Amino acid sequence: MEQENKAAYEVIVQRWGRNLDKTPNSGASSPLNTYRLTFMQYVQQKMWLYSQANPGLNLGISKPNFL
């Protein structure tokens, strides 16, 4: 991509860095990893806490794993 579209490549490198080959779960600050952690923290964690506080509802929500 660097040779094909240098302007777009430079924008991507400025925003995300040169380690574009890292997998999303390797700790890289990629948009997918950021979305996953944000969803787990603000949605899934709250749903799990609600299901723990109300066991009679039997929602079947598992505890989020932030690893």
C-alpha atoms as a PDB file:
ATOM      1  CA  MET A   1       0.000   0.000   0.000  1.00  0.00           C
ATOM      2  CA  GLU A   2       2.892   2.331   0.676  1.00  0.00           C
ATOM      3  CA  GLN A   3       3.874   2.351  -2.987  1.00  0.00           C
ATOM      4  CA  GLU A   4       0.308   2.336  -4.351  1.00  0.00           C
ATOM      5  CA  ASN A   5      -1.178   5.214  -2.357  1.00  0.00           C
ATOM      6  CA  LYS A   6       1.472   7.094  -0.411  1.00  0.00           C
ATOM      7  CA  ALA A   7      -0.858   9.886   0.804  1.00  0.00           C
ATOM      8  CA  ALA A   8      -3.363   7.469   2.328  1.00  0.00           C
ATOM      9  CA  TYR A   9      -0.537   5.378   3.791  1.00  0.00           C
ATOM     10  CA  GLU A  10       0.953   8.403   5.555  1.00  0.00           C
ATOM     11  CA  VAL A  11      -2.436   9.334   7.044  1.00  0.00           C
ATOM     12  CA  ILE A  12      -2.864   5.793   8.378  1.00  0.00           C
ATOM     13  CA  VAL A  13       0.669   5.738   9.804  1.00  0.00           C
ATOM     14  CA  GLN A  14       0.153   9.111  11.493  1.00  0.00           C
ATOM     15  CA  ARG A  15      -3.047   7.879  13.103  1.00  0.00           C
ATOM     16  CA  TRP A  16      -2.257   4.247  13.982  1.00  0.00           C
ATOM     17  CA  GLY A  17       1.522   3.944  13.767  1.00  0.00           C
ATOM     18  CA  ARG A  18       3.642   1.594  11.705  1.00  0.00           C
ATOM     19  CA  ASN A  19       2.688  -1.618  13.524  1.00  0.00           C
ATOM     20  CA  LEU A  20      -0.298  -2.271  11.300  1.00  0.00           C
ATOM     21  CA  ASP A  21       0.345  -6.019  11.180  1.00  0.00           C
ATOM     22  CA  LYS A  22      -0.409  -6.521  14.888  1.00  0.00           C
ATOM     23  CA  THR A  23      -3.505  -8.504  15.710  1.00  0.00           C
ATOM     24  CA  PRO A  24      -6.297  -6.585  17.486  1.00  0.00           C
ATOM     25  CA  ASN A  25      -5.868  -8.612  20.686  1.00  0.00           C
ATOM     26  CA  SER A  26      -2.139  -7.951  20.981  1.00  0.00           C
ATOM     27  CA  GLY A  27      -2.675  -4.727  22.907  1.00  0.00           C
ATOM     28  CA  ALA A  28      -2.357  -2.522  19.851  1.00  0.00           C
ATOM     29  CA  SER A  29      -4.514   0.570  19.924  1.00  0.00           C
ATOM     30  CA  SER A  30      -6.616  -0.401  16.937  1.00  0.00           C
ATOM     31  CA  PRO A  31     -10.211   0.706  16.395  1.00  0.00           C
ATOM     32  CA  LEU A  32     -11.529  -2.852  16.762  1.00  0.00           C
ATOM     33  CA  ASN A  33      -9.731  -3.405  20.060  1.00  0.00           C
ATOM     34  CA  THR A  34     -10.871  -0.029  21.381  1.00  0.00           C
ATOM     35  CA  TYR A  35     -14.488  -0.771  20.425  1.00  0.00           C
ATOM     36  CA  ARG A  36     -14.358  -4.238  22.009  1.00  0.00           C
ATOM     37  CA  LEU A  37     -12.999  -2.959  25.318  1.00  0.00           C
ATOM     38  CA  THR A  38     -15.394  -0.003  25.405  1.00  0.00           C
ATOM     39  CA  PHE A  39     -18.370  -2.260  24.725  1.00  0.00           C
ATOM     40  CA  MET A  40     -17.272  -4.673  27.446  1.00  0.00           C
ATOM     41  CA  GLN A  41     -16.723  -1.907  29.987  1.00  0.00           C
ATOM     42  CA  TYR A  42     -19.837   0.166  29.424  1.00  0.00           C
ATOM     43  CA  VAL A  43     -22.418  -2.336  28.156  1.00  0.00           C
ATOM     44  CA  GLN A  44     -21.525  -5.933  28.905  1.00  0.00           C
ATOM     45  CA  GLN A  45     -20.198  -5.254  32.427  1.00  0.00           C
ATOM     46  CA  LYS A  46     -23.363  -3.303  33.340  1.00  0.00           C
ATOM     47  CA  MET A  47     -25.578  -6.065  31.937  1.00  0.00           C
ATOM     48  CA  TRP A  48     -23.662  -8.686  33.926  1.00  0.00           C
ATOM     49  CA  LEU A  49     -23.936  -6.649  37.146  1.00  0.00           C
ATOM     50  CA  TYR A  50     -27.684  -6.248  36.553  1.00  0.00           C
ATOM     51  CA  SER A  51     -28.080  -9.993  35.997  1.00  0.00           C
ATOM     52  CA  GLN A  52     -26.155 -10.672  39.238  1.00  0.00           C
ATOM     53  CA  ALA A  53     -28.380  -8.268  41.164  1.00  0.00           C
ATOM     54  CA  ASN A  54     -31.543  -9.862  39.719  1.00  0.00           C
ATOM     55  CA  PRO A  55     -30.920 -13.637  39.550  1.00  0.00           C
ATOM     56  CA  GLY A  56     -34.639 -14.332  39.147  1.00  0.00           C
ATOM     57  CA  LEU A  57     -34.549 -12.952  35.593  1.00  0.00           C
ATOM     58  CA  ASN A  58     -32.207 -15.763  34.446  1.00  0.00           C
ATOM     59  CA  LEU A  59     -30.581 -13.649  31.699  1.00  0.00           C
ATOM     60  CA  GLY A  60     -27.615 -15.986  31.188  1.00  0.00           C
ATOM     61  CA  ILE A  61     -25.045 -13.205  30.751  1.00  0.00           C
ATOM     62  CA  SER A  62     -21.465 -14.276  31.385  1.00  0.00           C
ATOM     63  CA  LYS A  63     -18.911 -12.088  33.139  1.00  0.00           C
ATOM     64  CA  PRO A  64     -16.833 -10.050  30.656  1.00  0.00           C
ATOM     65  CA  ASN A  65     -13.214 -11.115  30.264  1.00  0.00           C
ATOM     66  CA  PHE A  66     -11.043  -8.039  29.710  1.00  0.00           C
ATOM     67  CA  LEU A  67      -7.918 -10.006  28.756  1.00  0.00           C
END
